[in-house]
Amino acid sequence: MKVKVLEERLSSDGFLGERGDVFTVPDHVGEKWCGLGWAEDVAGQCKTSERCVRSVTVNPKKLSQQQSTEEVSSNG
């Protein structure tokens, strides 16, 4: 499938591209990219989905740092 990259930069499935790059990828890769809104099918046979951007913040449940005095004195 011949696709046109819609993302600023795209690195997926062993391919690298930038916005506007047009190249041929296996059909399953092109379908995946079009489905995620990352690229469009040049032939127009595969629908390009709207890209969905999600922002997620992950807070750790527990934060602990353990270091012995030996490690401190030997490192510093």
PDB file of N, CA and C in Angstrom:
ATOM      1  N   MET A   1       0.847  -1.174   0.000  1.00  0.00           N
ATOM      2  CA  MET A   1       0.000   0.000   0.000  1.00  0.00           C
ATOM      3  C   MET A   1       0.896   1.242   0.000  1.00  0.00           C
ATOM      4  N   LYS A   2       0.542   2.194  -0.816  1.00  0.00           N
ATOM      5  CA  LYS A   2       1.278   3.450  -0.881  1.00  0.00           C
ATOM      6  C   LYS A   2       0.595   4.440   0.064  1.00  0.00           C
ATOM      7  N   VAL A   3       1.368   4.973   1.016  1.00  0.00           N
ATOM      8  CA  VAL A   3       0.807   5.874   2.023  1.00  0.00           C
ATOM      9  C   VAL A   3       1.555   7.199   2.061  1.00  0.00           C
ATOM     10  N   LYS A   4       0.858   8.214   2.559  1.00  0.00           N
ATOM     11  CA  LYS A   4       1.455   9.530   2.785  1.00  0.00           C
ATOM     12  C   LYS A   4       1.422   9.779   4.287  1.00  0.00           C
ATOM     13  N   VAL A   5       2.581  10.083   4.865  1.00  0.00           N
ATOM     14  CA  VAL A   5       2.708  10.280   6.304  1.00  0.00           C
ATOM     15  C   VAL A   5       2.051  11.604   6.711  1.00  0.00           C
ATOM     16  N   LEU A   6       1.219  11.553   7.748  1.00  0.00           N
ATOM     17  CA  LEU A   6       0.535  12.737   8.262  1.00  0.00           C
ATOM     18  C   LEU A   6       1.170  13.277   9.542  1.00  0.00           C
ATOM     19  N   GLU A   7       1.981  12.458  10.193  1.00  0.00           N
ATOM     20  CA  GLU A   7       2.631  12.849  11.443  1.00  0.00           C
ATOM     21  C   GLU A   7       3.888  13.672  11.170  1.00  0.00           C
ATOM     22  N   GLU A   8       4.288  14.500  12.151  1.00  0.00           N
ATOM     23  CA  GLU A   8       5.562  15.221  12.040  1.00  0.00           C
ATOM     24  C   GLU A   8       6.690  14.230  11.791  1.00  0.00           C
ATOM     25  N   ARG A   9       6.734  13.188  12.625  1.00  0.00           N
ATOM     26  CA  ARG A   9       7.708  12.097  12.473  1.00  0.00           C
ATOM     27  C   ARG A   9       6.995  10.796  12.781  1.00  0.00           C
ATOM     28  N   LEU A  10       7.323   9.782  12.012  1.00  0.00           N
ATOM     29  CA  LEU A  10       6.697   8.474  12.201  1.00  0.00           C
ATOM     30  C   LEU A  10       7.776   7.409  12.204  1.00  0.00           C
ATOM     31  N   SER A  11       7.824   6.640  13.285  1.00  0.00           N
ATOM     32  CA  SER A  11       8.760   5.531  13.405  1.00  0.00           C
ATOM     33  C   SER A  11       7.962   4.337  13.917  1.00  0.00           C
ATOM     34  N   SER A  12       7.641   3.420  13.003  1.00  0.00           N
ATOM     35  CA  SER A  12       6.796   2.289  13.373  1.00  0.00           C
ATOM     36  C   SER A  12       7.015   1.139  12.407  1.00  0.00           C
ATOM     37  N   ASP A  13       6.975  -0.062  12.932  1.00  0.00           N
ATOM     38  CA  ASP A  13       7.048  -1.279  12.113  1.00  0.00           C
ATOM     39  C   ASP A  13       8.285  -1.318  11.219  1.00  0.00           C
ATOM     40  N   GLY A  14       9.391  -0.722  11.684  1.00  0.00           N
ATOM     41  CA  GLY A  14      10.638  -0.739  10.920  1.00  0.00           C
ATOM     42  C   GLY A  14      10.738   0.340   9.859  1.00  0.00           C
ATOM     43  N   PHE A  15       9.803   1.265   9.828  1.00  0.00           N
ATOM     44  CA  PHE A  15       9.813   2.349   8.843  1.00  0.00           C
ATOM     45  C   PHE A  15       9.993   3.689   9.542  1.00  0.00           C
ATOM     46  N   LEU A  16      10.678   4.608   8.875  1.00  0.00           N
ATOM     47  CA  LEU A  16      10.870   5.966   9.377  1.00  0.00           C
ATOM     48  C   LEU A  16      10.367   6.942   8.331  1.00  0.00           C
ATOM     49  N   GLY A  17       9.613   7.935   8.745  1.00  0.00           N
ATOM     50  CA  GLY A  17       9.119   8.918   7.795  1.00  0.00           C
ATOM     51  C   GLY A  17       8.805  10.231   8.475  1.00  0.00           C
ATOM     52  N   GLU A  18       8.638  11.268   7.669  1.00  0.00           N
ATOM     53  CA  GLU A  18       8.262  12.587   8.152  1.00  0.00           C
ATOM     54  C   GLU A  18       7.036  13.049   7.387  1.00  0.00           C
ATOM     55  N   ARG A  19       6.360  14.061   7.928  1.00  0.00           N
ATOM     56  CA  ARG A  19       5.138  14.573   7.305  1.00  0.00           C
ATOM     57  C   ARG A  19       5.349  14.816   5.814  1.00  0.00           C
ATOM     58  N   GLY A  20       4.449  14.261   5.010  1.00  0.00           N
ATOM     59  CA  GLY A  20       4.487  14.449   3.567  1.00  0.00           C
ATOM     60  C   GLY A  20       5.228  13.366   2.803  1.00  0.00           C
ATOM     61  N   ASP A  21       6.029  12.550   3.502  1.00  0.00           N
ATOM     62  CA  ASP A  21       6.730  11.451   2.824  1.00  0.00           C
ATOM     63  C   ASP A  21       5.711  10.461   2.265  1.00  0.00           C
ATOM     64  N   VAL A  22       5.978   9.984   1.065  1.00  0.00           N
ATOM     65  CA  VAL A  22       5.118   8.981   0.433  1.00  0.00           C
ATOM     66  C   VAL A  22       5.976   7.764   0.133  1.00  0.00           C
ATOM     67  N   PHE A  23       5.557   6.604   0.622  1.00  0.00           N
ATOM     68  CA  PHE A  23       6.281   5.378   0.322  1.00  0.00           C
ATOM     69  C   PHE A  23       5.367   4.174   0.441  1.00  0.00           C
ATOM     70  N   THR A  24       5.864   3.039  -0.011  1.00  0.00           N
ATOM     71  CA  THR A  24       5.080   1.809  -0.029  1.00  0.00           C
ATOM     72  C   THR A  24       5.407   0.959   1.194  1.00  0.00           C
ATOM     73  N   VAL A  25       4.362   0.496   1.868  1.00  0.00           N
ATOM     74  CA  VAL A  25       4.499  -0.374   3.037  1.00  0.00           C
ATOM     75  C   VAL A  25       3.590  -1.585   2.825  1.00  0.00           C
ATOM     76  N   PRO A  26       3.819  -2.679   3.561  1.00  0.00           N
ATOM     77  CA  PRO A  26       2.902  -3.818   3.468  1.00  0.00           C
ATOM     78  C   PRO A  26       1.472  -3.376   3.823  1.00  0.00           C
ATOM     79  N   ASP A  27       0.492  -4.026   3.229  1.00  0.00           N
ATOM     80  CA  ASP A  27      -0.907  -3.643   3.445  1.00  0.00           C
ATOM     81  C   ASP A  27      -1.286  -3.577   4.922  1.00  0.00           C
ATOM     82  N   HIS A  28      -0.855  -4.564   5.717  1.00  0.00           N
ATOM     83  CA  HIS A  28      -1.248  -4.577   7.133  1.00  0.00           C
ATOM     84  C   HIS A  28      -0.674  -3.383   7.890  1.00  0.00           C
ATOM     85  N   VAL A  29       0.513  -2.927   7.489  1.00  0.00           N
ATOM     86  CA  VAL A  29       1.124  -1.751   8.121  1.00  0.00           C
ATOM     87  C   VAL A  29       0.358  -0.495   7.709  1.00  0.00           C
ATOM     88  N   GLY A  30       0.070  -0.370   6.424  1.00  0.00           N
ATOM     89  CA  GLY A  30      -0.685   0.778   5.933  1.00  0.00           C
ATOM     90  C   GLY A  30      -2.064   0.871   6.562  1.00  0.00           C
ATOM     91  N   GLU A  31      -2.732  -0.264   6.702  1.00  0.00           N
ATOM     92  CA  GLU A  31      -4.056  -0.283   7.328  1.00  0.00           C
ATOM     93  C   GLU A  31      -3.974   0.155   8.786  1.00  0.00           C
ATOM     94  N   LYS A  32      -2.936  -0.299   9.477  1.00  0.00           N
ATOM     95  CA  LYS A  32      -2.734   0.084  10.881  1.00  0.00           C
ATOM     96  C   LYS A  32      -2.511   1.588  10.984  1.00  0.00           C
ATOM     97  N   TRP A  33      -1.588   2.118  10.166  1.00  0.00           N
ATOM     98  CA  TRP A  33      -1.270   3.546  10.214  1.00  0.00           C
ATOM     99  C   TRP A  33      -2.474   4.402   9.868  1.00  0.00           C
ATOM    100  N   CYS A  34      -3.210   4.015   8.842  1.00  0.00           N
ATOM    101  CA  CYS A  34      -4.408   4.773   8.447  1.00  0.00           C
ATOM    102  C   CYS A  34      -5.460   4.700   9.550  1.00  0.00           C
ATOM    103  N   GLY A  35      -5.588   3.532  10.161  1.00  0.00           N
ATOM    104  CA  GLY A  35      -6.545   3.352  11.247  1.00  0.00           C
ATOM    105  C   GLY A  35      -6.232   4.196  12.465  1.00  0.00           C
ATOM    106  N   LEU A  36      -4.946   4.482  12.673  1.00  0.00           N
ATOM    107  CA  LEU A  36      -4.524   5.313  13.801  1.00  0.00           C
ATOM    108  C   LEU A  36      -4.453   6.796  13.435  1.00  0.00           C
ATOM    109  N   GLY A  37      -4.670   7.110  12.163  1.00  0.00           N
ATOM    110  CA  GLY A  37      -4.617   8.503  11.718  1.00  0.00           C
ATOM    111  C   GLY A  37      -3.212   9.019  11.485  1.00  0.00           C
ATOM    112  N   TRP A  38      -2.244   8.111  11.380  1.00  0.00           N
ATOM    113  CA  TRP A  38      -0.846   8.501  11.192  1.00  0.00           C
ATOM    114  C   TRP A  38      -0.507   8.736   9.729  1.00  0.00           C
ATOM    115  N   ALA A  39      -1.286   8.125   8.816  1.00  0.00           N
ATOM    116  CA  ALA A  39      -1.000   8.210   7.380  1.00  0.00           C
ATOM    117  C   ALA A  39      -2.305   8.099   6.610  1.00  0.00           C
ATOM    118  N   GLU A  40      -2.231   8.444   5.323  1.00  0.00           N
ATOM    119  CA  GLU A  40      -3.393   8.267   4.459  1.00  0.00           C
ATOM    120  C   GLU A  40      -3.007   7.411   3.267  1.00  0.00           C
ATOM    121  N   ASP A  41      -3.947   6.596   2.831  1.00  0.00           N
ATOM    122  CA  ASP A  41      -3.759   5.738   1.665  1.00  0.00           C
ATOM    123  C   ASP A  41      -3.828   6.620   0.425  1.00  0.00           C
ATOM    124  N   VAL A  42      -2.745   6.651  -0.356  1.00  0.00           N
ATOM    125  CA  VAL A  42      -2.682   7.493  -1.549  1.00  0.00           C
ATOM    126  C   VAL A  42      -3.792   7.123  -2.530  1.00  0.00           C
ATOM    127  N   ALA A  43      -4.118   5.839  -2.639  1.00  0.00           N
ATOM    128  CA  ALA A  43      -5.160   5.380  -3.562  1.00  0.00           C
ATOM    129  C   ALA A  43      -6.566   5.678  -3.039  1.00  0.00           C
ATOM    130  N   GLY A  44      -6.677   5.978  -1.744  1.00  0.00           N
ATOM    131  CA  GLY A  44      -7.974   6.295  -1.162  1.00  0.00           C
ATOM    132  C   GLY A  44      -8.855   5.100  -0.873  1.00  0.00           C
ATOM    133  N   GLN A  45      -8.307   3.898  -0.915  1.00  0.00           N
ATOM    134  CA  GLN A  45      -9.104   2.687  -0.684  1.00  0.00           C
ATOM    135  C   GLN A  45      -9.255   2.353   0.796  1.00  0.00           C
ATOM    136  N   CYS A  46      -8.328   2.850   1.616  1.00  0.00           N
ATOM    137  CA  CYS A  46      -8.366   2.586   3.053  1.00  0.00           C
ATOM    138  C   CYS A  46      -8.707   3.901   3.764  1.00  0.00           C
ATOM    139  N   LYS A  47      -9.726   3.857   4.616  1.00  0.00           N
ATOM    140  CA  LYS A  47     -10.174   5.057   5.321  1.00  0.00           C
ATOM    141  C   LYS A  47      -9.120   5.516   6.330  1.00  0.00           C
ATOM    142  N   THR A  48      -8.883   6.824   6.371  1.00  0.00           N
ATOM    143  CA  THR A  48      -7.979   7.407   7.360  1.00  0.00           C
ATOM    144  C   THR A  48      -8.807   7.853   8.551  1.00  0.00           C
ATOM    145  N   SER A  49      -8.525   7.287   9.709  1.00  0.00           N
ATOM    146  CA  SER A  49      -9.248   7.656  10.924  1.00  0.00           C
ATOM    147  C   SER A  49      -8.702   8.961  11.479  1.00  0.00           C
ATOM    148  N   GLU A  50      -9.502   9.582  12.342  1.00  0.00           N
ATOM    149  CA  GLU A  50      -9.043  10.795  13.011  1.00  0.00           C
ATOM    150  C   GLU A  50      -8.075  10.398  14.110  1.00  0.00           C
ATOM    151  N   ARG A  51      -6.950  11.077  14.159  1.00  0.00           N
ATOM    152  CA  ARG A  51      -5.938  10.778  15.167  1.00  0.00           C
ATOM    153  C   ARG A  51      -6.445  11.214  16.532  1.00  0.00           C
ATOM    154  N   CYS A  52      -6.312  10.342  17.510  1.00  0.00           N
ATOM    155  CA  CYS A  52      -6.761  10.624  18.869  1.00  0.00           C
ATOM    156  C   CYS A  52      -5.530  10.758  19.766  1.00  0.00           C
ATOM    157  N   VAL A  53      -5.355  11.945  20.344  1.00  0.00           N
ATOM    158  CA  VAL A  53      -4.209  12.192  21.221  1.00  0.00           C
ATOM    159  C   VAL A  53      -4.703  12.187  22.658  1.00  0.00           C
ATOM    160  N   ARG A  54      -4.055  11.383  23.471  1.00  0.00           N
ATOM    161  CA  ARG A  54      -4.421  11.315  24.881  1.00  0.00           C
ATOM    162  C   ARG A  54      -3.217  11.694  25.724  1.00  0.00           C
ATOM    163  N   SER A  55      -3.456  12.479  26.734  1.00  0.00           N
ATOM    164  CA  SER A  55      -2.404  12.849  27.671  1.00  0.00           C
ATOM    165  C   SER A  55      -2.670  12.108  28.974  1.00  0.00           C
ATOM    166  N   VAL A  56      -1.677  11.378  29.428  1.00  0.00           N
ATOM    167  CA  VAL A  56      -1.848  10.570  30.627  1.00  0.00           C
ATOM    168  C   VAL A  56      -0.736  10.886  31.612  1.00  0.00           C
ATOM    169  N   THR A  57      -1.105  11.061  32.877  1.00  0.00           N
ATOM    170  CA  THR A  57      -0.136  11.252  33.944  1.00  0.00           C
ATOM    171  C   THR A  57      -0.196  10.030  34.844  1.00  0.00           C
ATOM    172  N   VAL A  58       0.944   9.426  35.094  1.00  0.00           N
ATOM    173  CA  VAL A  58       1.013   8.249  35.951  1.00  0.00           C
ATOM    174  C   VAL A  58       1.737   8.632  37.230  1.00  0.00           C
ATOM    175  N   ASN A  59       1.066   8.458  38.345  1.00  0.00           N
ATOM    176  CA  ASN A  59       1.670   8.734  39.644  1.00  0.00           C
ATOM    177  C   ASN A  59       2.042   7.415  40.305  1.00  0.00           C
ATOM    178  N   PRO A  60       3.274   7.293  40.783  1.00  0.00           N
ATOM    179  CA  PRO A  60       3.677   6.040  41.436  1.00  0.00           C
ATOM    180  C   PRO A  60       2.915   5.857  42.745  1.00  0.00           C
ATOM    181  N   LYS A  61       2.605   4.591  43.059  1.00  0.00           N
ATOM    182  CA  LYS A  61       1.915   4.293  44.315  1.00  0.00           C
ATOM    183  C   LYS A  61       2.858   4.462  45.503  1.00  0.00           C
ATOM    184  N   LYS A  62       4.107   4.098  45.288  1.00  0.00           N
ATOM    185  CA  LYS A  62       5.058   4.155  46.386  1.00  0.00           C
ATOM    186  C   LYS A  62       6.405   4.587  45.819  1.00  0.00           C
ATOM    187  N   LEU A  63       7.023   5.532  46.472  1.00  0.00           N
ATOM    188  CA  LEU A  63       8.328   6.004  46.042  1.00  0.00           C
ATOM    189  C   LEU A  63       9.302   5.775  47.181  1.00  0.00           C
ATOM    190  N   SER A  64      10.331   5.003  46.919  1.00  0.00           N
ATOM    191  CA  SER A  64      11.339   4.780  47.950  1.00  0.00           C
ATOM    192  C   SER A  64      12.700   4.648  47.296  1.00  0.00           C
ATOM    193  N   GLN A  65      13.674   5.150  47.991  1.00  0.00           N
ATOM    194  CA  GLN A  65      15.047   5.039  47.513  1.00  0.00           C
ATOM    195  C   GLN A  65      15.869   4.515  48.674  1.00  0.00           C
ATOM    196  N   GLN A  66      16.512   3.404  48.424  1.00  0.00           N
ATOM    197  CA  GLN A  66      17.321   2.816  49.481  1.00  0.00           C
ATOM    198  C   GLN A  66      18.767   2.778  49.022  1.00  0.00           C
ATOM    199  N   GLN A  67      19.633   3.331  49.844  1.00  0.00           N
ATOM    200  CA  GLN A  67      21.049   3.351  49.509  1.00  0.00           C
ATOM    201  C   GLN A  67      21.826   3.244  50.814  1.00  0.00           C
ATOM    202  N   SER A  68      22.808   2.373  50.819  1.00  0.00           N
ATOM    203  CA  SER A  68      23.599   2.205  52.038  1.00  0.00           C
ATOM    204  C   SER A  68      24.671   3.289  52.110  1.00  0.00           C
ATOM    205  N   THR A  69      25.206   3.502  53.295  1.00  0.00           N
ATOM    206  CA  THR A  69      26.266   4.504  53.453  1.00  0.00           C
ATOM    207  C   THR A  69      27.527   4.080  52.720  1.00  0.00           C
ATOM    208  N   GLU A  70      27.738   2.779  52.543  1.00  0.00           N
ATOM    209  CA  GLU A  70      28.900   2.307  51.785  1.00  0.00           C
ATOM    210  C   GLU A  70      28.817   2.756  50.336  1.00  0.00           C
ATOM    211  N   GLU A  71      27.637   2.662  49.742  1.00  0.00           N
ATOM    212  CA  GLU A  71      27.454   3.083  48.353  1.00  0.00           C
ATOM    213  C   GLU A  71      27.710   4.580  48.206  1.00  0.00           C
ATOM    214  N   VAL A  72      27.280   5.363  49.174  1.00  0.00           N
ATOM    215  CA  VAL A  72      27.465   6.813  49.117  1.00  0.00           C
ATOM    216  C   VAL A  72      28.939   7.158  49.194  1.00  0.00           C
ATOM    217  N   SER A  73      29.663   6.561  50.128  1.00  0.00           N
ATOM    218  CA  SER A  73      31.073   6.905  50.295  1.00  0.00           C
ATOM    219  C   SER A  73      31.932   6.384  49.145  1.00  0.00           C
ATOM    220  N   SER A  74      31.570   5.259  48.548  1.00  0.00           N
ATOM    221  CA  SER A  74      32.384   4.731  47.454  1.00  0.00           C
ATOM    222  C   SER A  74      32.104   5.445  46.140  1.00  0.00           C
ATOM    223  N   ASN A  75      30.939   6.066  46.004  1.00  0.00           N
ATOM    224  CA  ASN A  75      30.593   6.776  44.776  1.00  0.00           C
ATOM    225  C   ASN A  75      30.974   8.250  44.831  1.00  0.00           C
ATOM    226  N   GLY A  76      31.298   8.726  45.945  1.00  0.00           N
ATOM    227  CA  GLY A  76      31.410  10.128  45.922  1.00  0.00           C
ATOM    228  C   GLY A  76      32.457  10.815  46.620  1.00  0.00           C
TER     229      GLY A  76
END
